[in-house]
C-alpha atoms as a PDB file:
ATOM      1  CA  MET A   1      -0.378  -0.242   0.125  1.00  0.00           C
ATOM      2  CA  THR A   2       0.935   3.432  -0.828  1.00  0.00           C
ATOM      3  CA  THR A   3       0.478   6.142   1.032  1.00  0.00           C
ATOM      4  CA  PHE A   4       1.226   9.764   0.509  1.00  0.00           C
ATOM      5  CA  MET A   5       2.131  12.562   3.127  1.00  0.00           C
ATOM      6  CA  ILE A   6       1.468  16.479   2.941  1.00  0.00           C
ATOM      7  CA  ALA A   7       2.782  18.908   5.845  1.00  0.00           C
ATOM      8  CA  ALA A   8       0.753  21.983   4.531  1.00  0.00           C
ATOM      9  CA  GLY A   9      -1.059  24.584   5.806  1.00  0.00           C
ATOM     10  CA  ASP A  10      -2.119  24.628   9.950  1.00  0.00           C
ATOM     11  CA  SER A  11      -2.024  20.274   9.133  1.00  0.00           C
ATOM     12  CA  LEU A  12      -0.132  16.693   7.938  1.00  0.00           C
ATOM     13  CA  LEU A  13      -2.678  15.238   5.494  1.00  0.00           C
ATOM     14  CA  ILE A  14      -1.898  11.446   5.046  1.00  0.00           C
ATOM     15  CA  ALA A  15      -2.900   9.622   1.947  1.00  0.00           C
ATOM     16  CA  ARG A  16      -3.826   6.101   1.858  1.00  0.00           C
ATOM     17  CA  GLU A  17      -3.980   4.167  -0.410  1.00  0.00           C
ATOM     18  CA  ALA A  18      -6.734   0.744  -0.850  1.00  0.00           C
ATOM     19  CA  ARG A  19      -9.783   0.857  -2.464  1.00  0.00           C
ATOM     20  CA  SER A  20      -9.739   3.741  -2.936  1.00  0.00           C
ATOM     21  CA  TRP A  21      -7.926   7.438  -1.934  1.00  0.00           C
ATOM     22  CA  HIS A  22      -8.869   7.768   2.204  1.00  0.00           C
ATOM     23  CA  VAL A  23      -7.604  11.704   3.573  1.00  0.00           C
ATOM     24  CA  GLU A  24      -6.525  11.604   7.084  1.00  0.00           C
ATOM     25  CA  ARG A  25      -6.083  15.004   8.810  1.00  0.00           C
ATOM     26  CA  HIS A  26      -3.049  15.247  11.547  1.00  0.00           C
ATOM     27  CA  LEU A  27      -1.333  17.664  13.795  1.00  0.00           C
ATOM     28  CA  VAL A  28      -3.929  19.988  13.200  1.00  0.00           C
ATOM     29  CA  GLY A  29      -3.121  23.917  14.387  1.00  0.00           C
ATOM     30  CA  ARG A  30       0.777  22.355  14.973  1.00  0.00           C
ATOM     31  CA  SER A  31       2.166  24.028  11.665  1.00  0.00           C
ATOM     32  CA  PRO A  32       3.862  21.034  10.477  1.00  0.00           C
ATOM     33  CA  GLU A  33       6.835  21.384   8.117  1.00  0.00           C
ATOM     34  CA  ALA A  34       9.849  18.543   8.023  1.00  0.00           C
ATOM     35  CA  ILE A  35       8.407  14.823   7.572  1.00  0.00           C
ATOM     36  CA  ALA A  36      10.336  11.821   7.781  1.00  0.00           C
ATOM     37  CA  ALA A  37       9.623   7.850   7.779  1.00  0.00           C
ATOM     38  CA  SER A  38      11.981   4.573   8.619  1.00  0.00           C
ATOM     39  CA  VAL A  39      11.479   1.504   6.662  1.00  0.00           C
ATOM     40  CA  GLY A  40       7.691  -0.351   7.756  1.00  0.00           C
ATOM     41  CA  PRO A  41       6.094  -2.007   8.624  1.00  0.00           C
ATOM     42  CA  PRO A  42       4.726  -0.415   9.667  1.00  0.00           C
ATOM     43  CA  ALA A  43       6.051   2.519   8.822  1.00  0.00           C
ATOM     44  CA  ARG A  44       7.886   4.905  11.416  1.00  0.00           C
ATOM     45  CA  LEU A  45       7.218   8.460  11.076  1.00  0.00           C
ATOM     46  CA  TYR A  46       8.745  11.710  12.214  1.00  0.00           C
ATOM     47  CA  GLY A  47       6.912  15.663  11.823  1.00  0.00           C
ATOM     48  CA  GLY A  48       9.003  18.673  12.997  1.00  0.00           C
ATOM     49  CA  THR A  49       6.452  21.337  14.016  1.00  0.00           C
ATOM     50  CA  HIS A  50       6.192  25.522  13.715  1.00  0.00           C
ATOM     51  CA  GLY A  51       5.792  26.273  17.201  1.00  0.00           C
ATOM     52  CA  HIS A  52       4.871  22.726  18.997  1.00  0.00           C
ATOM     53  CA  GLY A  53       8.292  20.857  18.434  1.00  0.00           C
ATOM     54  CA  LEU A  54       8.870  16.937  17.473  1.00  0.00           C
ATOM     55  CA  TRP A  55       6.414  14.730  16.459  1.00  0.00           C
ATOM     56  CA  ARG A  56       6.251  10.975  15.960  1.00  0.00           C
ATOM     57  CA  SER A  57       4.086   8.079  15.054  1.00  0.00           C
ATOM     58  CA  GLY A  58       4.622   4.549  15.180  1.00  0.00           C
ATOM     59  CA  ASP A  59       1.694   2.962  13.515  1.00  0.00           C
ATOM     60  CA  GLY A  60       2.210   4.653  10.326  1.00  0.00           C
ATOM     61  CA  GLY A  61       0.867   7.944  11.635  1.00  0.00           C
ATOM     62  CA  ARG A  62      -2.815   6.005  12.970  1.00  0.00           C
ATOM     63  CA  THR A  63      -1.289   8.150  15.948  1.00  0.00           C
ATOM     64  CA  TRP A  64       0.955  10.634  16.764  1.00  0.00           C
ATOM     65  CA  GLU A  65       3.215  11.862  20.241  1.00  0.00           C
ATOM     66  CA  PRO A  66       5.039  14.821  21.416  1.00  0.00           C
ATOM     67  CA  ALA A  67       9.157  13.264  20.542  1.00  0.00           C
ATOM     68  CA  GLY A  68      11.489  15.761  21.731  1.00  0.00           C
ATOM     69  CA  ALA A  69      12.029  15.445  24.972  1.00  0.00           C
ATOM     70  CA  GLY A  70      15.620  16.616  25.576  1.00  0.00           C
ATOM     71  CA  VAL A  71      14.477  18.423  22.331  1.00  0.00           C
ATOM     72  CA  PRO A  72      14.298  22.355  23.646  1.00  0.00           C
ATOM     73  CA  HIS A  73      13.014  24.523  20.757  1.00  0.00           C
ATOM     74  CA  THR A  74       9.857  23.789  19.398  1.00  0.00           C
ATOM     75  CA  VAL A  75      10.782  25.278  15.431  1.00  0.00           C
ATOM     76  CA  VAL A  76      11.976  22.281  13.784  1.00  0.00           C
ATOM     77  CA  THR A  77      12.315  22.561   9.982  1.00  0.00           C
ATOM     78  CA  ALA A  78      14.278  18.991   8.705  1.00  0.00           C
ATOM     79  CA  VAL A  79      13.825  15.313   9.738  1.00  0.00           C
ATOM     80  CA  ALA A  80      15.715  12.487   8.429  1.00  0.00           C
ATOM     81  CA  VAL A  81      15.928   9.034   9.115  1.00  0.00           C
ATOM     82  CA  GLU A  82      19.684   6.897   8.751  1.00  0.00           C
ATOM     83  CA  ARG A  83      19.667   4.957   6.061  1.00  0.00           C
ATOM     84  CA  GLY A  84      22.787   2.361   4.764  1.00  0.00           C
ATOM     85  CA  SER A  85      22.614   0.175   7.522  1.00  0.00           C
ATOM     86  CA  SER A  86      19.626  -2.862   8.958  1.00  0.00           C
ATOM     87  CA  GLY A  87      20.384  -0.601  12.072  1.00  0.00           C
ATOM     88  CA  GLY A  88      19.700   2.502  10.297  1.00  0.00           C
ATOM     89  CA  SER A  89      15.444   3.119  11.143  1.00  0.00           C
ATOM     90  CA  SER A  90      16.661   3.625  14.708  1.00  0.00           C
ATOM     91  CA  VAL A  91      19.049   6.183  13.993  1.00  0.00           C
ATOM     92  CA  VAL A  92      16.678  10.043  13.765  1.00  0.00           C
ATOM     93  CA  TYR A  93      17.618  13.576  13.196  1.00  0.00           C
ATOM     94  CA  ALA A  94      16.595  16.670  13.673  1.00  0.00           C
ATOM     95  CA  GLY A  95      17.369  20.249  12.996  1.00  0.00           C
ATOM     96  CA  THR A  96      15.876  23.888  14.773  1.00  0.00           C
ATOM     97  CA  GLU A  97      15.517  27.312  14.644  1.00  0.00           C
ATOM     98  CA  PRO A  98      18.284  28.601  15.890  1.00  0.00           C
ATOM     99  CA  SER A  99      20.271  25.962  14.030  1.00  0.00           C
ATOM    100  CA  THR A 100      20.748  23.048  16.151  1.00  0.00           C
ATOM    101  CA  LEU A 101      21.003  19.416  15.259  1.00  0.00           C
ATOM    102  CA  TRP A 102      19.943  17.034  17.279  1.00  0.00           C
ATOM    103  CA  ARG A 103      20.805  12.557  17.076  1.00  0.00           C
ATOM    104  CA  SER A 104      18.375  10.344  18.386  1.00  0.00           C
ATOM    105  CA  GLU A 105      20.006   6.540  18.314  1.00  0.00           C
ATOM    106  CA  ASP A 106      16.697   5.649  20.175  1.00  0.00           C
ATOM    107  CA  GLY A 107      13.704   6.086  17.658  1.00  0.00           C
ATOM    108  CA  GLY A 108      13.463   9.584  18.718  1.00  0.00           C
ATOM    109  CA  GLU A 109      12.977   8.368  22.649  1.00  0.00           C
ATOM    110  CA  ARG A 110      16.721  11.079  23.761  1.00  0.00           C
ATOM    111  CA  TRP A 111      18.377  12.857  21.656  1.00  0.00           C
ATOM    112  CA  THR A 112      22.148  14.535  21.372  1.00  0.00           C
ATOM    113  CA  ALA A 113      22.688  17.528  20.034  1.00  0.00           C
ATOM    114  CA  LEU A 114      25.354  17.705  17.524  1.00  0.00           C
ATOM    115  CA  LEU A 115      27.480  20.993  18.938  1.00  0.00           C
ATOM    116  CA  THR A 116      30.166  21.379  17.259  1.00  0.00           C
ATOM    117  CA  LEU A 117      28.327  21.777  13.831  1.00  0.00           C
ATOM    118  CA  LEU A 118      28.422  25.663  15.341  1.00  0.00           C
ATOM    119  CA  ASP A 119      32.042  25.999  15.889  1.00  0.00           C
ATOM    120  CA  LEU A 120      32.938  26.255  11.692  1.00  0.00           C
ATOM    121  CA  SER A 121      34.032  29.363  10.933  1.00  0.00           C
ATOM    122  CA  SER A 122      31.356  29.542   8.460  1.00  0.00           C
ATOM    123  CA  ALA A 123      28.774  29.517  11.617  1.00  0.00           C
ATOM    124  CA  ASP A 124      29.479  33.978  12.430  1.00  0.00           C
ATOM    125  CA  SER A 125      27.558  34.352   8.767  1.00  0.00           C
ATOM    126  CA  TRP A 126      24.661  32.157   8.780  1.00  0.00           C
ATOM    127  CA  SER A 127      21.345  33.863   8.618  1.00  0.00           C
ATOM    128  CA  PHE A 128      17.949  33.402   7.452  1.00  0.00           C
ATOM    129  CA  PRO A 129      17.130  36.425   5.078  1.00  0.00           C
ATOM    130  CA  PRO A 130      13.284  36.915   6.092  1.00  0.00           C
ATOM    131  CA  LYS A 131      14.542  37.084  10.179  1.00  0.00           C
ATOM    132  CA  PRO A 132      18.589  38.108   9.215  1.00  0.00           C
ATOM    133  CA  GLU A 133      18.974  37.679  13.179  1.00  0.00           C
ATOM    134  CA  THR A 134      17.959  33.573  13.500  1.00  0.00           C
ATOM    135  CA  HIS A 135      18.763  30.412  10.857  1.00  0.00           C
ATOM    136  CA  HIS A 136      18.043  26.632  10.847  1.00  0.00           C
ATOM    137  CA  VAL A 137      18.331  23.955   9.133  1.00  0.00           C
ATOM    138  CA  ARG A 138      16.815  23.704   5.587  1.00  0.00           C
ATOM    139  CA  TRP A 139      17.743  20.020   5.421  1.00  0.00           C
ATOM    140  CA  ILE A 140      19.256  16.956   6.237  1.00  0.00           C
ATOM    141  CA  GLU A 141      20.237  14.197   3.950  1.00  0.00           C
ATOM    142  CA  THR A 142      21.887  11.253   4.963  1.00  0.00           C
ATOM    143  CA  ASP A 143      23.713   8.673   2.728  1.00  0.00           C
ATOM    144  CA  PRO A 144      22.644   5.558   1.438  1.00  0.00           C
ATOM    145  CA  CYS A 145      25.783   3.976   0.668  1.00  0.00           C
ATOM    146  CA  VAL A 146      27.830   5.145   4.309  1.00  0.00           C
ATOM    147  CA  SER A 147      24.922   5.006   6.431  1.00  0.00           C
ATOM    148  CA  SER A 148      27.407   7.592   9.747  1.00  0.00           C
ATOM    149  CA  ARG A 149      27.812   9.652   6.630  1.00  0.00           C
ATOM    150  CA  LEU A 150      25.013  12.754   6.272  1.00  0.00           C
ATOM    151  CA  TYR A 151      25.111  16.304   4.741  1.00  0.00           C
ATOM    152  CA  VAL A 152      23.208  19.219   6.606  1.00  0.00           C
ATOM    153  CA  ALA A 153      21.834  22.641   5.611  1.00  0.00           C
ATOM    154  CA  ILE A 154      21.579  26.089   6.793  1.00  0.00           C
ATOM    155  CA  GLU A 155      19.268  28.817   5.360  1.00  0.00           C
ATOM    156  CA  ALA A 156      21.174  30.104   4.284  1.00  0.00           C
ATOM    157  CA  GLY A 157      25.132  30.126   4.723  1.00  0.00           C
ATOM    158  CA  ALA A 158      26.164  26.952   4.235  1.00  0.00           C
ATOM    159  CA  LEU A 159      25.903  23.154   3.024  1.00  0.00           C
ATOM    160  CA  VAL A 160      28.259  20.826   5.530  1.00  0.00           C
ATOM    161  CA  ARG A 161      28.941  17.407   5.815  1.00  0.00           C
ATOM    162  CA  SER A 162      30.138  14.785   9.169  1.00  0.00           C
ATOM    163  CA  LEU A 163      31.629  11.075   8.247  1.00  0.00           C
ATOM    164  CA  ASP A 164      30.794  10.436  11.674  1.00  0.00           C
ATOM    165  CA  ARG A 165      27.057  11.131  12.679  1.00  0.00           C
ATOM    166  CA  GLY A 166      27.805  14.822  13.494  1.00  0.00           C
ATOM    167  CA  GLU A 167      30.752  14.670  15.655  1.00  0.00           C
ATOM    168  CA  THR A 168      32.222  16.963  13.262  1.00  0.00           C
ATOM    169  CA  TRP A 169      32.073  18.825  10.857  1.00  0.00           C
ATOM    170  CA  THR A 170      33.490  19.684   7.141  1.00  0.00           C
ATOM    171  CA  ASP A 171      32.690  23.504   6.542  1.00  0.00           C
ATOM    172  CA  ARG A 172      31.120  24.673   2.799  1.00  0.00           C
ATOM    173  CA  VAL A 173      33.566  24.844   0.344  1.00  0.00           C
ATOM    174  CA  GLY A 174      33.983  26.784  -2.601  1.00  0.00           C
ATOM    175  CA  GLY A 175      32.379  26.273  -5.267  1.00  0.00           C
ATOM    176  CA  GLY A 176      29.560  24.990  -3.290  1.00  0.00           C
ATOM    177  CA  PRO A 177      25.858  25.879  -2.453  1.00  0.00           C
ATOM    178  CA  ILE A 178      25.058  28.868  -0.437  1.00  0.00           C
ATOM    179  CA  ASP A 179      21.227  28.689  -0.026  1.00  0.00           C
ATOM    180  CA  THR A 180      21.093  24.665  -0.470  1.00  0.00           C
ATOM    181  CA  HIS A 181      16.415  24.322  -0.125  1.00  0.00           C
ATOM    182  CA  THR A 182      16.557  20.343  -0.743  1.00  0.00           C
ATOM    183  CA  ALA A 183      19.507  17.872  -1.220  1.00  0.00           C
ATOM    184  CA  ALA A 184      19.822  13.797  -2.494  1.00  0.00           C
ATOM    185  CA  THR A 185      21.847  11.719  -2.682  1.00  0.00           C
ATOM    186  CA  HIS A 186      21.445   8.016  -5.282  1.00  0.00           C
ATOM    187  CA  PRO A 187      21.969   4.116  -3.927  1.00  0.00           C
ATOM    188  CA  GLY A 188      23.881   3.931  -7.514  1.00  0.00           C
ATOM    189  CA  GLN A 189      26.102   6.586  -7.462  1.00  0.00           C
ATOM    190  CA  GLU A 190      28.203   6.566  -4.072  1.00  0.00           C
ATOM    191  CA  GLY A 191      29.203   9.387  -3.527  1.00  0.00           C
ATOM    192  CA  ARG A 192      27.171  11.794  -5.785  1.00  0.00           C
ATOM    193  CA  VAL A 193      25.040  13.985  -3.835  1.00  0.00           C
ATOM    194  CA  TYR A 194      22.184  16.612  -5.546  1.00  0.00           C
ATOM    195  CA  CYS A 195      21.044  20.530  -4.215  1.00  0.00           C
ATOM    196  CA  ALA A 196      18.486  22.662  -4.960  1.00  0.00           C
ATOM    197  CA  ALA A 197      19.857  26.044  -3.848  1.00  0.00           C
ATOM    198  CA  GLY A 198      18.636  29.714  -4.104  1.00  0.00           C
ATOM    199  CA  ASP A 199      22.211  29.975  -5.862  1.00  0.00           C
ATOM    200  CA  GLY A 200      21.223  27.261  -8.807  1.00  0.00           C
ATOM    201  CA  TYR A 201      21.453  23.379  -8.478  1.00  0.00           C
ATOM    202  CA  PHE A 202      24.590  21.972  -8.051  1.00  0.00           C
ATOM    203  CA  GLU A 203      26.065  18.354  -8.634  1.00  0.00           C
ATOM    204  CA  SER A 204      28.827  16.871  -5.757  1.00  0.00           C
ATOM    205  CA  ASP A 205      30.839  13.074  -7.369  1.00  0.00           C
ATOM    206  CA  ASP A 206      32.725  13.498  -4.781  1.00  0.00           C
ATOM    207  CA  ALA A 207      30.953  13.340  -1.701  1.00  0.00           C
ATOM    208  CA  GLY A 208      30.947  17.504  -1.250  1.00  0.00           C
ATOM    209  CA  ARG A 209      33.929  17.724  -1.639  1.00  0.00           C
ATOM    210  CA  MET A 210      33.892  19.540  -5.113  1.00  0.00           C
ATOM    211  CA  TRP A 211      31.242  20.792  -6.513  1.00  0.00           C
ATOM    212  CA  ARG A 212      29.985  21.549  -9.889  1.00  0.00           C
ATOM    213  CA  ARG A 213      27.637  24.517 -11.276  1.00  0.00           C
ATOM    214  CA  PRO A 214      25.056  22.971 -14.451  1.00  0.00           C
ATOM    215  CA  MET A 215      22.676  25.490 -15.045  1.00  0.00           C
ATOM    216  CA  GLU A 216      21.629  24.855 -19.467  1.00  0.00           C
ATOM    217  CA  GLY A 217      18.510  25.364 -20.035  1.00  0.00           C
ATOM    218  CA  LEU A 218      17.233  26.442 -16.119  1.00  0.00           C
ATOM    219  CA  ARG A 219      16.501  29.367 -17.167  1.00  0.00           C
ATOM    220  CA  HIS A 220      14.801  30.439 -13.131  1.00  0.00           C
ATOM    221  CA  GLY A 221      17.698  30.152 -10.868  1.00  0.00           C
ATOM    222  CA  TYR A 222      15.462  29.950  -7.827  1.00  0.00           C
ATOM    223  CA  LEU A 223      15.389  26.270  -6.748  1.00  0.00           C
ATOM    224  CA  VAL A 224      13.415  24.625  -3.769  1.00  0.00           C
ATOM    225  CA  GLY A 225      12.635  20.686  -4.316  1.00  0.00           C
ATOM    226  CA  ILE A 226      14.517  17.905  -6.514  1.00  0.00           C
ATOM    227  CA  ALA A 227      13.857  14.684  -6.839  1.00  0.00           C
ATOM    228  CA  VAL A 228      16.391  11.744  -8.759  1.00  0.00           C
ATOM    229  CA  ASP A 229      14.282   8.240 -10.390  1.00  0.00           C
ATOM    230  CA  PRO A 230      15.399   5.745  -8.574  1.00  0.00           C
ATOM    231  CA  GLY A 231      15.988   3.971 -11.709  1.00  0.00           C
ATOM    232  CA  ASP A 232      18.695   6.512 -13.098  1.00  0.00           C
ATOM    233  CA  PRO A 233      20.408   8.327 -11.175  1.00  0.00           C
ATOM    234  CA  GLU A 234      21.204  10.448 -14.172  1.00  0.00           C
ATOM    235  CA  THR A 235      17.630  11.908 -14.097  1.00  0.00           C
ATOM    236  CA  VAL A 236      16.713  14.338 -12.097  1.00  0.00           C
ATOM    237  CA  VAL A 237      13.280  16.939 -11.190  1.00  0.00           C
ATOM    238  CA  VAL A 238      13.502  20.113  -9.781  1.00  0.00           C
ATOM    239  CA  SER A 239      11.093  22.897  -8.823  1.00  0.00           C
ATOM    240  CA  ALA A 240      11.957  26.340  -9.365  1.00  0.00           C
ATOM    241  CA  ALA A 241      10.910  29.910  -9.902  1.00  0.00           C
ATOM    242  CA  SER A 242      12.527  33.126 -10.506  1.00  0.00           C
ATOM    243  CA  GLY A 243      12.934  34.300  -6.651  1.00  0.00           C
ATOM    244  CA  PRO A 244      11.369  33.670  -2.847  1.00  0.00           C
ATOM    245  CA  TYR A 245       8.110  35.860  -4.364  1.00  0.00           C
ATOM    246  CA  ARG A 246       7.679  33.628  -6.706  1.00  0.00           C
ATOM    247  CA  ALA A 247       7.813  30.194  -5.556  1.00  0.00           C
ATOM    248  CA  TYR A 248       5.924  30.758  -2.365  1.00  0.00           C
ATOM    249  CA  SER A 249       3.714  33.234  -2.381  1.00  0.00           C
ATOM    250  CA  PRO A 250       0.649  32.092  -3.808  1.00  0.00           C
ATOM    251  CA  GLY A 251      -0.329  35.845  -4.896  1.00  0.00           C
ATOM    252  CA  GLU A 252       2.654  36.236  -6.568  1.00  0.00           C
ATOM    253  CA  ALA A 253       3.672  32.475  -7.514  1.00  0.00           C
ATOM    254  CA  ARG A 254       4.921  31.203 -10.410  1.00  0.00           C
ATOM    255  CA  ALA A 255       6.617  28.209 -10.810  1.00  0.00           C
ATOM    256  CA  TYR A 256       7.588  25.684 -12.980  1.00  0.00           C
ATOM    257  CA  LEU A 257       9.571  21.663 -12.881  1.00  0.00           C
ATOM    258  CA  TYR A 258      12.572  21.306 -14.933  1.00  0.00           C
ATOM    259  CA  ARG A 259      13.585  17.750 -15.649  1.00  0.00           C
ATOM    260  CA  LYS A 260      17.887  16.900 -16.929  1.00  0.00           C
ATOM    261  CA  ALA A 261      18.846  13.490 -18.008  1.00  0.00           C
ATOM    262  CA  GLY A 262      21.553  11.202 -19.733  1.00  0.00           C
ATOM    263  CA  GLY A 263      24.168  14.398 -18.683  1.00  0.00           C
ATOM    264  CA  GLY A 264      22.449  16.512 -20.796  1.00  0.00           C
ATOM    265  CA  GLY A 265      20.668  20.036 -20.330  1.00  0.00           C
ATOM    266  CA  PHE A 266      17.423  21.298 -18.208  1.00  0.00           C
ATOM    267  CA  GLU A 267      14.176  21.047 -20.442  1.00  0.00           C
ATOM    268  CA  LEU A 268      11.085  22.621 -19.002  1.00  0.00           C
ATOM    269  CA  LEU A 269       7.744  20.745 -18.268  1.00  0.00           C
ATOM    270  CA  SER A 270       4.396  21.275 -18.813  1.00  0.00           C
ATOM    271  CA  GLU A 271       2.670  18.268 -19.719  1.00  0.00           C
ATOM    272  CA  GLY A 272      -0.120  17.669 -17.677  1.00  0.00           C
ATOM    273  CA  LEU A 273       1.077  20.422 -15.006  1.00  0.00           C
ATOM    274  CA  PRO A 274      -1.049  23.316 -14.025  1.00  0.00           C
ATOM    275  CA  GLU A 275      -0.149  26.802 -15.358  1.00  0.00           C
ATOM    276  CA  ALA A 276       3.073  28.466 -13.966  1.00  0.00           C
ATOM    277  CA  ARG A 277       0.977  31.711 -13.049  1.00  0.00           C
ATOM    278  CA  GLY A 278      -0.632  31.297  -9.538  1.00  0.00           C
ATOM    279  CA  THR A 279       0.958  27.759  -8.650  1.00  0.00           C
ATOM    280  CA  VAL A 280       3.839  27.942  -5.662  1.00  0.00           C
ATOM    281  CA  ALA A 281       7.217  25.390  -6.290  1.00  0.00           C
ATOM    282  CA  SER A 282       6.431  21.974  -5.732  1.00  0.00           C
ATOM    283  CA  ARG A 283       7.571  20.032  -3.108  1.00  0.00           C
ATOM    284  CA  LEU A 284       8.809  16.574  -4.817  1.00  0.00           C
ATOM    285  CA  ALA A 285       9.432  12.807  -3.600  1.00  0.00           C
ATOM    286  CA  THR A 286       9.776   9.395  -5.406  1.00  0.00           C
ATOM    287  CA  ARG A 287       9.458   6.175  -4.557  1.00  0.00           C
ATOM    288  CA  PRO A 288      12.735   4.063  -4.217  1.00  0.00           C
ATOM    289  CA  THR A 289      10.924   0.618  -5.956  1.00  0.00           C
ATOM    290  CA  ALA A 290       9.731   2.080  -8.640  1.00  0.00           C
ATOM    291  CA  PRO A 291      11.940   3.392 -11.455  1.00  0.00           C
ATOM    292  CA  GLY A 292      10.719   6.217 -12.875  1.00  0.00           C
ATOM    293  CA  VAL A 293       8.063   7.526 -11.266  1.00  0.00           C
ATOM    294  CA  PHE A 294       8.398  10.916  -9.883  1.00  0.00           C
ATOM    295  CA  TYR A 295       5.331  12.798  -8.178  1.00  0.00           C
ATOM    296  CA  ALA A 296       5.143  17.008  -7.760  1.00  0.00           C
ATOM    297  CA  ALA A 297       3.427  18.231  -4.379  1.00  0.00           C
ATOM    298  CA  ASN A 298       1.661  22.075  -4.438  1.00  0.00           C
ATOM    299  CA  ASN A 299      -1.058  23.913  -3.938  1.00  0.00           C
ATOM    300  CA  HIS A 300      -2.786  22.332  -6.856  1.00  0.00           C
ATOM    301  CA  GLY A 301      -2.758  19.498  -5.988  1.00  0.00           C
ATOM    302  CA  LEU A 302      -0.875  15.841  -6.263  1.00  0.00           C
ATOM    303  CA  PHE A 303       0.607  14.810  -9.270  1.00  0.00           C
ATOM    304  CA  ARG A 304       2.323  11.827 -10.788  1.00  0.00           C
ATOM    305  CA  SER A 305       4.838  10.864 -13.695  1.00  0.00           C
ATOM    306  CA  ALA A 306       5.325   7.253 -14.468  1.00  0.00           C
ATOM    307  CA  ASP A 307       7.827   8.434 -17.637  1.00  0.00           C
ATOM    308  CA  GLY A 308      10.624   9.135 -16.052  1.00  0.00           C
ATOM    309  CA  GLY A 309       9.198  13.152 -15.297  1.00  0.00           C
ATOM    310  CA  ARG A 310       8.503  13.744 -19.004  1.00  0.00           C
ATOM    311  CA  GLU A 311       4.352  13.758 -18.645  1.00  0.00           C
ATOM    312  CA  TRP A 312       2.273  14.813 -15.515  1.00  0.00           C
ATOM    313  CA  GLU A 313      -1.157  13.655 -14.352  1.00  0.00           C
ATOM    314  CA  VAL A 314      -3.166  15.377 -11.225  1.00  0.00           C
ATOM    315  CA  MET A 315      -2.986  11.896  -9.036  1.00  0.00           C
ATOM    316  CA  PRO A 316      -7.386  11.151  -8.326  1.00  0.00           C
ATOM    317  CA  ILE A 317      -7.773  12.285  -4.228  1.00  0.00           C
ATOM    318  CA  HIS A 318     -10.003  14.542  -3.028  1.00  0.00           C
ATOM    319  CA  TRP A 319      -8.865  16.715  -0.743  1.00  0.00           C
ATOM    320  CA  PRO A 320      -9.571  19.189   2.074  1.00  0.00           C
ATOM    321  CA  ALA A 321     -11.249  22.184   0.263  1.00  0.00           C
ATOM    322  CA  GLY A 322      -8.764  24.884   1.237  1.00  0.00           C
ATOM    323  CA  ALA A 323      -5.758  21.912   1.867  1.00  0.00           C
ATOM    324  CA  PHE A 324      -2.785  23.223  -0.609  1.00  0.00           C
ATOM    325  CA  ASP A 325      -4.273  27.478   0.210  1.00  0.00           C
ATOM    326  CA  GLU A 326      -0.759  28.656   1.235  1.00  0.00           C
ATOM    327  CA  GLY A 327       1.443  26.182  -0.716  1.00  0.00           C
ATOM    328  CA  VAL A 328       3.040  22.557   0.040  1.00  0.00           C
ATOM    329  CA  GLU A 329       5.751  22.334   3.442  1.00  0.00           C
ATOM    330  CA  ALA A 330       7.093  18.676   2.572  1.00  0.00           C
ATOM    331  CA  LEU A 331       6.124  15.238   0.599  1.00  0.00           C
ATOM    332  CA  ALA A 332       7.011  12.088   1.389  1.00  0.00           C
ATOM    333  CA  VAL A 333       6.292   9.051   0.446  1.00  0.00           C
ATOM    334  CA  ILE A 334       5.872   5.148   2.018  1.00  0.00           C
ATOM    335  CA  GLU A 335       5.262   1.929   1.782  1.00  0.00           C
ATOM    336  CA  GLU A 336       3.332  -0.634   3.495  1.00  0.00           C
END
């Protein structure tokens, strides 16, 4: 059974596939903005909220409980589950505002602050433009090939990496992304890292030591979401706009999807997608067991591509009225 989780507005929407689609609302009034899932069944889920801390579910999202004991920050902006090892499902990371990274080794029961992150030289320059007095962990990417390796994006200021589960860190490097919104890795391409950033699209083939910025074909350079084909590490879909207002503000939105494949440049996508005007930047996801399948969630609903991102169709799910009026913060897909 496929289940979709979408953080939108003040709720976490969970759509379950059975004979027909059934939609539930969870964490109502808690403004979820980050979600992650461990491998099930049943899937253990984690949700970070804006102002209400960290939550978890041990039954695939049917019931939820606070999971942030030991995490004093109530704004949890990123969550991730370790991949790449048999015991990975119990190792969880959470990022907060102000920027602090937390690690749990027991599925969210107890948490340790990884404070060496704040000792990096670049930390003095970290700043979130809408609230320049602070900054936050925007994304945590765990590596499916090396379980102890992870990448953390600070909004804004750095993409940094650790080889030892966050005990020590390597600071941002020249030529790398500064304002990463989403990062991705691929189990079939060790060392490859992909970044969708406010300063463009970036790739690394050596686990973030060196970067390239292949922007050919991208007419909109402010990137928000990214997803990589589970069956082909050279096929990438990104969501993009000309700037933050066009990406996030429903009244000003004009966002696009692009596809990059076979080592070529980006191509603009339109088949089956809503008109860019009035569309906020999509959050993107894939399923590990479904090569060539991509999902995109935006203020017009949830869309699916079954041909590597070339053509799309809206999924026949009846969402609550107005659920996506404020856009979408996060999308995750689980298989139970």
